[in-house]
Amino acid sequence: MPVIVVATVKPLPEHRDEVKGAFTAAIEQVHGEDGCELYALQENDDRFVMIEKWASQDAVQTHGGSPALAKLGAELKGKIVGGLDVVYLQPVPAGDAAKGAL
């Protein structure tokens, strides 16, 4: 069963561009990881939100120990408010199959 992950981070205003750059640099590597079905960065005025879809819990666990994620964590140090807010979700398909699930 797929696993959906929503990770939210608030950059310190003076580090916004650096935080965005760190995420965008990691995306290409993460897209190449086994089981990555979606890894998409979204933004608004005060935060970045990474919406992820993984083929399985095993793929999420492997990603958690990946070099890309380790590098991203190091690059975010001292540049964000608090830490990452990470939520793991299971899909609940409903309605049109193409529109009711990631």
PDB file of N, CA and C in Angstrom:
ATOM      1  N   MET A   1       0.849  -1.178   0.000  1.00  0.00           N
ATOM      2  CA  MET A   1       0.000   0.000   0.000  1.00  0.00           C
ATOM      3  C   MET A   1       0.896   1.243   0.000  1.00  0.00           C
ATOM      4  N   PRO A   2       0.555   2.239  -0.792  1.00  0.00           N
ATOM      5  CA  PRO A   2       1.367   3.456  -0.833  1.00  0.00           C
ATOM      6  C   PRO A   2       1.295   4.226   0.484  1.00  0.00           C
ATOM      7  N   VAL A   3       2.327   5.011   0.715  1.00  0.00           N
ATOM      8  CA  VAL A   3       2.397   5.870   1.891  1.00  0.00           C
ATOM      9  C   VAL A   3       2.546   7.304   1.393  1.00  0.00           C
ATOM     10  N   ILE A   4       1.723   8.186   1.931  1.00  0.00           N
ATOM     11  CA  ILE A   4       1.785   9.605   1.606  1.00  0.00           C
ATOM     12  C   ILE A   4       2.476  10.313   2.771  1.00  0.00           C
ATOM     13  N   VAL A   5       3.400  11.187   2.446  1.00  0.00           N
ATOM     14  CA  VAL A   5       4.114  11.951   3.464  1.00  0.00           C
ATOM     15  C   VAL A   5       3.948  13.428   3.128  1.00  0.00           C
ATOM     16  N   VAL A   6       3.618  14.213   4.149  1.00  0.00           N
ATOM     17  CA  VAL A   6       3.540  15.660   4.004  1.00  0.00           C
ATOM     18  C   VAL A   6       4.515  16.253   5.019  1.00  0.00           C
ATOM     19  N   ALA A   7       5.546  16.917   4.515  1.00  0.00           N
ATOM     20  CA  ALA A   7       6.571  17.509   5.378  1.00  0.00           C
ATOM     21  C   ALA A   7       6.547  19.024   5.198  1.00  0.00           C
ATOM     22  N   THR A   8       6.398  19.737   6.301  1.00  0.00           N
ATOM     23  CA  THR A   8       6.303  21.189   6.270  1.00  0.00           C
ATOM     24  C   THR A   8       7.483  21.789   7.025  1.00  0.00           C
ATOM     25  N   VAL A   9       8.048  22.842   6.468  1.00  0.00           N
ATOM     26  CA  VAL A   9       9.159  23.540   7.108  1.00  0.00           C
ATOM     27  C   VAL A   9       8.968  25.041   6.923  1.00  0.00           C
ATOM     28  N   LYS A  10       9.279  25.789   7.985  1.00  0.00           N
ATOM     29  CA  LYS A  10       9.229  27.252   7.912  1.00  0.00           C
ATOM     30  C   LYS A  10      10.666  27.771   7.934  1.00  0.00           C
ATOM     31  N   PRO A  11      11.115  28.362   6.836  1.00  0.00           N
ATOM     32  CA  PRO A  11      12.471  28.906   6.824  1.00  0.00           C
ATOM     33  C   PRO A  11      12.544  30.220   7.595  1.00  0.00           C
ATOM     34  N   LEU A  12      13.695  30.488   8.177  1.00  0.00           N
ATOM     35  CA  LEU A  12      13.933  31.821   8.705  1.00  0.00           C
ATOM     36  C   LEU A  12      13.934  32.762   7.504  1.00  0.00           C
ATOM     37  N   PRO A  13      13.291  33.919   7.605  1.00  0.00           N
ATOM     38  CA  PRO A  13      13.154  34.802   6.438  1.00  0.00           C
ATOM     39  C   PRO A  13      14.465  35.081   5.700  1.00  0.00           C
ATOM     40  N   GLU A  14      15.539  35.267   6.432  1.00  0.00           N
ATOM     41  CA  GLU A  14      16.820  35.582   5.798  1.00  0.00           C
ATOM     42  C   GLU A  14      17.465  34.376   5.105  1.00  0.00           C
ATOM     43  N   HIS A  15      16.900  33.174   5.313  1.00  0.00           N
ATOM     44  CA  HIS A  15      17.452  31.964   4.698  1.00  0.00           C
ATOM     45  C   HIS A  15      16.480  31.306   3.706  1.00  0.00           C
ATOM     46  N   ARG A  16      15.398  31.995   3.379  1.00  0.00           N
ATOM     47  CA  ARG A  16      14.367  31.401   2.515  1.00  0.00           C
ATOM     48  C   ARG A  16      14.945  30.853   1.205  1.00  0.00           C
ATOM     49  N   ASP A  17      15.750  31.634   0.517  1.00  0.00           N
ATOM     50  CA  ASP A  17      16.296  31.189  -0.768  1.00  0.00           C
ATOM     51  C   ASP A  17      17.226  29.986  -0.599  1.00  0.00           C
ATOM     52  N   GLU A  18      17.997  29.974   0.483  1.00  0.00           N
ATOM     53  CA  GLU A  18      18.896  28.845   0.730  1.00  0.00           C
ATOM     54  C   GLU A  18      18.112  27.564   1.024  1.00  0.00           C
ATOM     55  N   VAL A  19      17.049  27.689   1.801  1.00  0.00           N
ATOM     56  CA  VAL A  19      16.215  26.526   2.124  1.00  0.00           C
ATOM     57  C   VAL A  19      15.561  25.990   0.849  1.00  0.00           C
ATOM     58  N   LYS A  20      15.032  26.893   0.038  1.00  0.00           N
ATOM     59  CA  LYS A  20      14.418  26.477  -1.227  1.00  0.00           C
ATOM     60  C   LYS A  20      15.456  25.787  -2.113  1.00  0.00           C
ATOM     61  N   GLY A  21      16.644  26.339  -2.180  1.00  0.00           N
ATOM     62  CA  GLY A  21      17.710  25.744  -2.983  1.00  0.00           C
ATOM     63  C   GLY A  21      18.105  24.368  -2.490  1.00  0.00           C
ATOM     64  N   ALA A  22      18.144  24.180  -1.173  1.00  0.00           N
ATOM     65  CA  ALA A  22      18.490  22.875  -0.613  1.00  0.00           C
ATOM     66  C   ALA A  22      17.452  21.831  -0.996  1.00  0.00           C
ATOM     67  N   PHE A  23      16.192  22.205  -0.903  1.00  0.00           N
ATOM     68  CA  PHE A  23      15.127  21.261  -1.285  1.00  0.00           C
ATOM     69  C   PHE A  23      15.181  20.946  -2.777  1.00  0.00           C
ATOM     70  N   THR A  24      15.303  21.965  -3.598  1.00  0.00           N
ATOM     71  CA  THR A  24      15.283  21.708  -5.040  1.00  0.00           C
ATOM     72  C   THR A  24      16.492  20.887  -5.477  1.00  0.00           C
ATOM     73  N   ALA A  25      17.624  21.061  -4.806  1.00  0.00           N
ATOM     74  CA  ALA A  25      18.798  20.250  -5.141  1.00  0.00           C
ATOM     75  C   ALA A  25      18.587  18.790  -4.764  1.00  0.00           C
ATOM     76  N   ALA A  26      17.853  18.540  -3.694  1.00  0.00           N
ATOM     77  CA  ALA A  26      17.618  17.164  -3.237  1.00  0.00           C
ATOM     78  C   ALA A  26      16.611  16.426  -4.111  1.00  0.00           C
ATOM     79  N   ILE A  27      15.733  17.156  -4.748  1.00  0.00           N
ATOM     80  CA  ILE A  27      14.623  16.530  -5.475  1.00  0.00           C
ATOM     81  C   ILE A  27      15.109  15.558  -6.546  1.00  0.00           C
ATOM     82  N   GLU A  28      16.078  15.944  -7.347  1.00  0.00           N
ATOM     83  CA  GLU A  28      16.538  15.060  -8.421  1.00  0.00           C
ATOM     84  C   GLU A  28      17.066  13.745  -7.868  1.00  0.00           C
ATOM     85  N   GLN A  29      17.833  13.804  -6.783  1.00  0.00           N
ATOM     86  CA  GLN A  29      18.346  12.579  -6.177  1.00  0.00           C
ATOM     87  C   GLN A  29      17.207  11.718  -5.646  1.00  0.00           C
ATOM     88  N   VAL A  30      16.269  12.343  -4.947  1.00  0.00           N
ATOM     89  CA  VAL A  30      15.167  11.583  -4.351  1.00  0.00           C
ATOM     90  C   VAL A  30      14.293  10.957  -5.426  1.00  0.00           C
ATOM     91  N   HIS A  31      14.079  11.654  -6.532  1.00  0.00           N
ATOM     92  CA  HIS A  31      13.284  11.084  -7.620  1.00  0.00           C
ATOM     93  C   HIS A  31      13.888   9.780  -8.123  1.00  0.00           C
ATOM     94  N   GLY A  32      15.194   9.590  -7.966  1.00  0.00           N
ATOM     95  CA  GLY A  32      15.858   8.367  -8.402  1.00  0.00           C
ATOM     96  C   GLY A  32      15.830   7.239  -7.383  1.00  0.00           C
ATOM     97  N   GLU A  33      15.296   7.492  -6.195  1.00  0.00           N
ATOM     98  CA  GLU A  33      15.240   6.452  -5.167  1.00  0.00           C
ATOM     99  C   GLU A  33      14.151   5.436  -5.488  1.00  0.00           C
ATOM    100  N   ASP A  34      14.443   4.178  -5.186  1.00  0.00           N
ATOM    101  CA  ASP A  34      13.459   3.111  -5.383  1.00  0.00           C
ATOM    102  C   ASP A  34      12.206   3.394  -4.564  1.00  0.00           C
ATOM    103  N   GLY A  35      11.066   3.284  -5.196  1.00  0.00           N
ATOM    104  CA  GLY A  35       9.795   3.450  -4.504  1.00  0.00           C
ATOM    105  C   GLY A  35       9.272   4.864  -4.454  1.00  0.00           C
ATOM    106  N   CYS A  36      10.031   5.840  -4.952  1.00  0.00           N
ATOM    107  CA  CYS A  36       9.559   7.226  -4.969  1.00  0.00           C
ATOM    108  C   CYS A  36       8.581   7.396  -6.134  1.00  0.00           C
ATOM    109  N   GLU A  37       7.338   7.708  -5.811  1.00  0.00           N
ATOM    110  CA  GLU A  37       6.318   7.918  -6.834  1.00  0.00           C
ATOM    111  C   GLU A  37       5.974   9.403  -6.995  1.00  0.00           C
ATOM    112  N   LEU A  38       6.231  10.189  -5.957  1.00  0.00           N
ATOM    113  CA  LEU A  38       5.978  11.623  -5.997  1.00  0.00           C
ATOM    114  C   LEU A  38       6.824  12.278  -4.922  1.00  0.00           C
ATOM    115  N   TYR A  39       7.495  13.347  -5.285  1.00  0.00           N
ATOM    116  CA  TYR A  39       8.286  14.140  -4.327  1.00  0.00           C
ATOM    117  C   TYR A  39       8.245  15.550  -4.877  1.00  0.00           C
ATOM    118  N   ALA A  40       7.266  16.337  -4.420  1.00  0.00           N
ATOM    119  CA  ALA A  40       6.952  17.616  -5.048  1.00  0.00           C
ATOM    120  C   ALA A  40       6.924  18.737  -4.019  1.00  0.00           C
ATOM    121  N   LEU A  41       7.699  19.775  -4.266  1.00  0.00           N
ATOM    122  CA  LEU A  41       7.804  20.918  -3.364  1.00  0.00           C
ATOM    123  C   LEU A  41       6.748  21.962  -3.705  1.00  0.00           C
ATOM    124  N   GLN A  42       6.087  22.448  -2.659  1.00  0.00           N
ATOM    125  CA  GLN A  42       5.086  23.504  -2.777  1.00  0.00           C
ATOM    126  C   GLN A  42       5.511  24.630  -1.836  1.00  0.00           C
ATOM    127  N   GLU A  43       5.043  25.850  -2.075  1.00  0.00           N
ATOM    128  CA  GLU A  43       5.404  26.953  -1.188  1.00  0.00           C
ATOM    129  C   GLU A  43       4.269  27.947  -1.054  1.00  0.00           C
ATOM    130  N   ASN A  44       4.331  28.705   0.044  1.00  0.00           N
ATOM    131  CA  ASN A  44       3.542  29.917   0.188  1.00  0.00           C
ATOM    132  C   ASN A  44       4.444  30.955   0.854  1.00  0.00           C
ATOM    133  N   ASP A  45       3.884  31.999   1.397  1.00  0.00           N
ATOM    134  CA  ASP A  45       4.698  33.106   1.904  1.00  0.00           C
ATOM    135  C   ASP A  45       5.650  32.734   3.032  1.00  0.00           C
ATOM    136  N   ASP A  46       5.247  31.782   3.893  1.00  0.00           N
ATOM    137  CA  ASP A  46       6.072  31.525   5.075  1.00  0.00           C
ATOM    138  C   ASP A  46       6.537  30.082   5.243  1.00  0.00           C
ATOM    139  N   ARG A  47       6.258  29.214   4.276  1.00  0.00           N
ATOM    140  CA  ARG A  47       6.645  27.815   4.461  1.00  0.00           C
ATOM    141  C   ARG A  47       6.813  27.089   3.137  1.00  0.00           C
ATOM    142  N   PHE A  48       7.481  25.959   3.239  1.00  0.00           N
ATOM    143  CA  PHE A  48       7.591  25.005   2.127  1.00  0.00           C
ATOM    144  C   PHE A  48       6.920  23.716   2.572  1.00  0.00           C
ATOM    145  N   VAL A  49       6.227  23.074   1.640  1.00  0.00           N
ATOM    146  CA  VAL A  49       5.560  21.813   1.930  1.00  0.00           C
ATOM    147  C   VAL A  49       5.979  20.805   0.873  1.00  0.00           C
ATOM    148  N   MET A  50       6.546  19.696   1.323  1.00  0.00           N
ATOM    149  CA  MET A  50       6.927  18.608   0.429  1.00  0.00           C
ATOM    150  C   MET A  50       5.818  17.561   0.498  1.00  0.00           C
ATOM    151  N   ILE A  51       5.228  17.267  -0.644  1.00  0.00           N
ATOM    152  CA  ILE A  51       4.207  16.233  -0.726  1.00  0.00           C
ATOM    153  C   ILE A  51       4.846  15.042  -1.412  1.00  0.00           C
ATOM    154  N   GLU A  52       4.805  13.898  -0.720  1.00  0.00           N
ATOM    155  CA  GLU A  52       5.505  12.713  -1.182  1.00  0.00           C
ATOM    156  C   GLU A  52       4.551  11.525  -1.289  1.00  0.00           C
ATOM    157  N   LYS A  53       4.850  10.645  -2.219  1.00  0.00           N
ATOM    158  CA  LYS A  53       4.139   9.379  -2.313  1.00  0.00           C
ATOM    159  C   LYS A  53       5.187   8.296  -2.526  1.00  0.00           C
ATOM    160  N   TRP A  54       5.149   7.299  -1.662  1.00  0.00           N
ATOM    161  CA  TRP A  54       6.097   6.197  -1.700  1.00  0.00           C
ATOM    162  C   TRP A  54       5.343   4.894  -1.926  1.00  0.00           C
ATOM    163  N   ALA A  55       5.960   3.978  -2.627  1.00  0.00           N
ATOM    164  CA  ALA A  55       5.323   2.706  -2.977  1.00  0.00           C
ATOM    165  C   ALA A  55       5.024   1.849  -1.750  1.00  0.00           C
ATOM    166  N   SER A  56       5.812   2.017  -0.685  1.00  0.00           N
ATOM    167  CA  SER A  56       5.638   1.170   0.495  1.00  0.00           C
ATOM    168  C   SER A  56       6.295   1.820   1.710  1.00  0.00           C
ATOM    169  N   GLN A  57       5.993   1.265   2.868  1.00  0.00           N
ATOM    170  CA  GLN A  57       6.638   1.725   4.094  1.00  0.00           C
ATOM    171  C   GLN A  57       8.136   1.457   4.044  1.00  0.00           C
ATOM    172  N   ASP A  58       8.538   0.345   3.428  1.00  0.00           N
ATOM    173  CA  ASP A  58       9.966   0.036   3.282  1.00  0.00           C
ATOM    174  C   ASP A  58      10.681   1.128   2.483  1.00  0.00           C
ATOM    175  N   ALA A  59      10.041   1.623   1.429  1.00  0.00           N
ATOM    176  CA  ALA A  59      10.640   2.687   0.615  1.00  0.00           C
ATOM    177  C   ALA A  59      10.800   3.965   1.435  1.00  0.00           C
ATOM    178  N   VAL A  60       9.818   4.272   2.283  1.00  0.00           N
ATOM    179  CA  VAL A  60       9.905   5.457   3.150  1.00  0.00           C
ATOM    180  C   VAL A  60      11.068   5.297   4.123  1.00  0.00           C
ATOM    181  N   GLN A  61      11.203   4.115   4.694  1.00  0.00           N
ATOM    182  CA  GLN A  61      12.289   3.878   5.648  1.00  0.00           C
ATOM    183  C   GLN A  61      13.653   3.993   4.970  1.00  0.00           C
ATOM    184  N   THR A  62      13.768   3.462   3.774  1.00  0.00           N
ATOM    185  CA  THR A  62      15.029   3.571   3.036  1.00  0.00           C
ATOM    186  C   THR A  62      15.338   5.039   2.746  1.00  0.00           C
ATOM    187  N   HIS A  63      14.327   5.785   2.336  1.00  0.00           N
ATOM    188  CA  HIS A  63      14.497   7.219   2.076  1.00  0.00           C
ATOM    189  C   HIS A  63      14.981   7.938   3.335  1.00  0.00           C
ATOM    190  N   GLY A  64      14.462   7.542   4.485  1.00  0.00           N
ATOM    191  CA  GLY A  64      14.839   8.178   5.744  1.00  0.00           C
ATOM    192  C   GLY A  64      16.327   8.085   6.048  1.00  0.00           C
ATOM    193  N   GLY A  65      16.997   7.072   5.508  1.00  0.00           N
ATOM    194  CA  GLY A  65      18.430   6.919   5.711  1.00  0.00           C
ATOM    195  C   GLY A  65      19.256   7.247   4.487  1.00  0.00           C
ATOM    196  N   SER A  66      18.633   7.890   3.506  1.00  0.00           N
ATOM    197  CA  SER A  66      19.319   8.153   2.239  1.00  0.00           C
ATOM    198  C   SER A  66      20.338   9.280   2.351  1.00  0.00           C
ATOM    199  N   PRO A  67      21.366   9.245   1.503  1.00  0.00           N
ATOM    200  CA  PRO A  67      22.339  10.344   1.471  1.00  0.00           C
ATOM    201  C   PRO A  67      21.684  11.688   1.140  1.00  0.00           C
ATOM    202  N   ALA A  68      20.688  11.680   0.265  1.00  0.00           N
ATOM    203  CA  ALA A  68      20.021  12.937  -0.112  1.00  0.00           C
ATOM    204  C   ALA A  68      19.354  13.577   1.095  1.00  0.00           C
ATOM    205  N   LEU A  69      18.690  12.767   1.915  1.00  0.00           N
ATOM    206  CA  LEU A  69      18.000  13.309   3.078  1.00  0.00           C
ATOM    207  C   LEU A  69      19.000  13.757   4.149  1.00  0.00           C
ATOM    208  N   ALA A  70      20.084  13.032   4.303  1.00  0.00           N
ATOM    209  CA  ALA A  70      21.129  13.436   5.259  1.00  0.00           C
ATOM    210  C   ALA A  70      21.727  14.783   4.858  1.00  0.00           C
ATOM    211  N   LYS A  71      22.006  14.948   3.582  1.00  0.00           N
ATOM    212  CA  LYS A  71      22.570  16.207   3.089  1.00  0.00           C
ATOM    213  C   LYS A  71      21.571  17.348   3.270  1.00  0.00           C
ATOM    214  N   LEU A  72      20.305  17.084   2.955  1.00  0.00           N
ATOM    215  CA  LEU A  72      19.270  18.108   3.112  1.00  0.00           C
ATOM    216  C   LEU A  72      19.186  18.542   4.573  1.00  0.00           C
ATOM    217  N   GLY A  73      19.178  17.597   5.491  1.00  0.00           N
ATOM    218  CA  GLY A  73      19.105  17.928   6.912  1.00  0.00           C
ATOM    219  C   GLY A  73      20.258  18.805   7.345  1.00  0.00           C
ATOM    220  N   ALA A  74      21.460  18.486   6.868  1.00  0.00           N
ATOM    221  CA  ALA A  74      22.633  19.290   7.209  1.00  0.00           C
ATOM    222  C   ALA A  74      22.525  20.702   6.641  1.00  0.00           C
ATOM    223  N   GLU A  75      21.996  20.819   5.431  1.00  0.00           N
ATOM    224  CA  GLU A  75      21.874  22.129   4.798  1.00  0.00           C
ATOM    225  C   GLU A  75      20.788  22.997   5.439  1.00  0.00           C
ATOM    226  N   LEU A  76      19.798  22.372   6.075  1.00  0.00           N
ATOM    227  CA  LEU A  76      18.723  23.125   6.723  1.00  0.00           C
ATOM    228  C   LEU A  76      19.090  23.590   8.125  1.00  0.00           C
ATOM    229  N   LYS A  77      20.107  22.996   8.716  1.00  0.00           N
ATOM    230  CA  LYS A  77      20.485  23.302  10.093  1.00  0.00           C
ATOM    231  C   LYS A  77      20.730  24.802  10.271  1.00  0.00           C
ATOM    232  N   GLY A  78      20.020  25.374  11.248  1.00  0.00           N
ATOM    233  CA  GLY A  78      20.168  26.786  11.554  1.00  0.00           C
ATOM    234  C   GLY A  78      19.439  27.732  10.618  1.00  0.00           C
ATOM    235  N   LYS A  79      18.682  27.174   9.665  1.00  0.00           N
ATOM    236  CA  LYS A  79      18.010  28.013   8.668  1.00  0.00           C
ATOM    237  C   LYS A  79      16.487  27.917   8.711  1.00  0.00           C
ATOM    238  N   ILE A  80      15.975  27.099   9.657  1.00  0.00           N
ATOM    239  CA  ILE A  80      14.528  26.909   9.738  1.00  0.00           C
ATOM    240  C   ILE A  80      14.044  27.173  11.157  1.00  0.00           C
ATOM    241  N   VAL A  81      12.753  27.465  11.266  1.00  0.00           N
ATOM    242  CA  VAL A  81      12.109  27.665  12.556  1.00  0.00           C
ATOM    243  C   VAL A  81      11.725  26.291  13.083  1.00  0.00           C
ATOM    244  N   GLY A  82      12.312  25.895  14.209  1.00  0.00           N
ATOM    245  CA  GLY A  82      12.019  24.569  14.751  1.00  0.00           C
ATOM    246  C   GLY A  82      12.551  23.492  13.830  1.00  0.00           C
ATOM    247  N   GLY A  83      11.798  22.427  13.676  1.00  0.00           N
ATOM    248  CA  GLY A  83      12.205  21.334  12.802  1.00  0.00           C
ATOM    249  C   GLY A  83      11.179  21.092  11.726  1.00  0.00           C
ATOM    250  N   LEU A  84      11.358  20.000  11.025  1.00  0.00           N
ATOM    251  CA  LEU A  84      10.378  19.587  10.025  1.00  0.00           C
ATOM    252  C   LEU A  84       9.144  19.041  10.729  1.00  0.00           C
ATOM    253  N   ASP A  85       7.981  19.376  10.238  1.00  0.00           N
ATOM    254  CA  ASP A  85       6.734  18.775  10.709  1.00  0.00           C
ATOM    255  C   ASP A  85       6.370  17.722   9.667  1.00  0.00           C
ATOM    256  N   VAL A  86       6.512  16.459  10.025  1.00  0.00           N
ATOM    257  CA  VAL A  86       6.312  15.368   9.075  1.00  0.00           C
ATOM    258  C   VAL A  86       5.101  14.537   9.498  1.00  0.00           C
ATOM    259  N   VAL A  87       4.177  14.322   8.551  1.00  0.00           N
ATOM    260  CA  VAL A  87       2.976  13.533   8.791  1.00  0.00           C
ATOM    261  C   VAL A  87       2.945  12.397   7.770  1.00  0.00           C
ATOM    262  N   TYR A  88       2.735  11.174   8.258  1.00  0.00           N
ATOM    263  CA  TYR A  88       2.630   9.987   7.404  1.00  0.00           C
ATOM    264  C   TYR A  88       1.161   9.612   7.294  1.00  0.00           C
ATOM    265  N   LEU A  89       0.690   9.407   6.066  1.00  0.00           N
ATOM    266  CA  LEU A  89      -0.731   9.172   5.817  1.00  0.00           C
ATOM    267  C   LEU A  89      -0.950   7.933   4.948  1.00  0.00           C
ATOM    268  N   GLN A  90      -2.097   7.320   5.123  1.00  0.00           N
ATOM    269  CA  GLN A  90      -2.529   6.231   4.256  1.00  0.00           C
ATOM    270  C   GLN A  90      -3.671   6.765   3.391  1.00  0.00           C
ATOM    271  N   PRO A  91      -3.667   6.467   2.093  1.00  0.00           N
ATOM    272  CA  PRO A  91      -4.728   6.966   1.221  1.00  0.00           C
ATOM    273  C   PRO A  91      -6.102   6.401   1.571  1.00  0.00           C
ATOM    274  N   VAL A  92      -7.106   7.228   1.383  1.00  0.00           N
ATOM    275  CA  VAL A  92      -8.500   6.811   1.491  1.00  0.00           C
ATOM    276  C   VAL A  92      -9.151   7.185   0.161  1.00  0.00           C
ATOM    277  N   PRO A  93      -9.031   6.319  -0.850  1.00  0.00           N
ATOM    278  CA  PRO A  93      -9.594   6.648  -2.163  1.00  0.00           C
ATOM    279  C   PRO A  93     -11.108   6.846  -2.085  1.00  0.00           C
ATOM    280  N   ALA A  94     -11.580   7.841  -2.810  1.00  0.00           N
ATOM    281  CA  ALA A  94     -13.009   8.111  -2.851  1.00  0.00           C
ATOM    282  C   ALA A  94     -13.328   8.852  -4.143  1.00  0.00           C
ATOM    283  N   GLY A  95     -14.538   8.698  -4.611  1.00  0.00           N
ATOM    284  CA  GLY A  95     -14.960   9.401  -5.819  1.00  0.00           C
ATOM    285  C   GLY A  95     -14.236   8.894  -7.048  1.00  0.00           C
ATOM    286  N   ASP A  96     -13.965   9.791  -7.978  1.00  0.00           N
ATOM    287  CA  ASP A  96     -13.277   9.479  -9.220  1.00  0.00           C
ATOM    288  C   ASP A  96     -11.871   8.959  -8.889  1.00  0.00           C
ATOM    289  N   ALA A  97     -11.510   7.788  -9.374  1.00  0.00           N
ATOM    290  CA  ALA A  97     -10.235   7.165  -9.047  1.00  0.00           C
ATOM    291  C   ALA A  97      -9.042   8.051  -9.439  1.00  0.00           C
ATOM    292  N   ALA A  98      -9.185   8.817 -10.507  1.00  0.00           N
ATOM    293  CA  ALA A  98      -8.092   9.682 -10.968  1.00  0.00           C
ATOM    294  C   ALA A  98      -7.966  10.950 -10.119  1.00  0.00           C
ATOM    295  N   LYS A  99      -9.036  11.309  -9.436  1.00  0.00           N
ATOM    296  CA  LYS A  99      -9.040  12.550  -8.666  1.00  0.00           C
ATOM    297  C   LYS A  99      -9.122  12.327  -7.164  1.00  0.00           C
ATOM    298  N   GLY A 100      -9.445  11.125  -6.744  1.00  0.00           N
ATOM    299  CA  GLY A 100      -9.677  10.863  -5.319  1.00  0.00           C
ATOM    300  C   GLY A 100      -8.512  10.292  -4.570  1.00  0.00           C
ATOM    301  N   ALA A 101      -7.363  10.135  -5.225  1.00  0.00           N
ATOM    302  CA  ALA A 101      -6.185   9.595  -4.536  1.00  0.00           C
ATOM    303  C   ALA A 101      -4.930  10.096  -5.222  1.00  0.00           C
ATOM    304  N   LEU A 102      -3.875  10.235  -4.441  1.00  0.00           N
ATOM    305  CA  LEU A 102      -2.564  10.596  -5.017  1.00  0.00           C
ATOM    306  C   LEU A 102      -1.941   9.360  -5.620  1.00  0.00           C
TER     307      LEU A 102
END
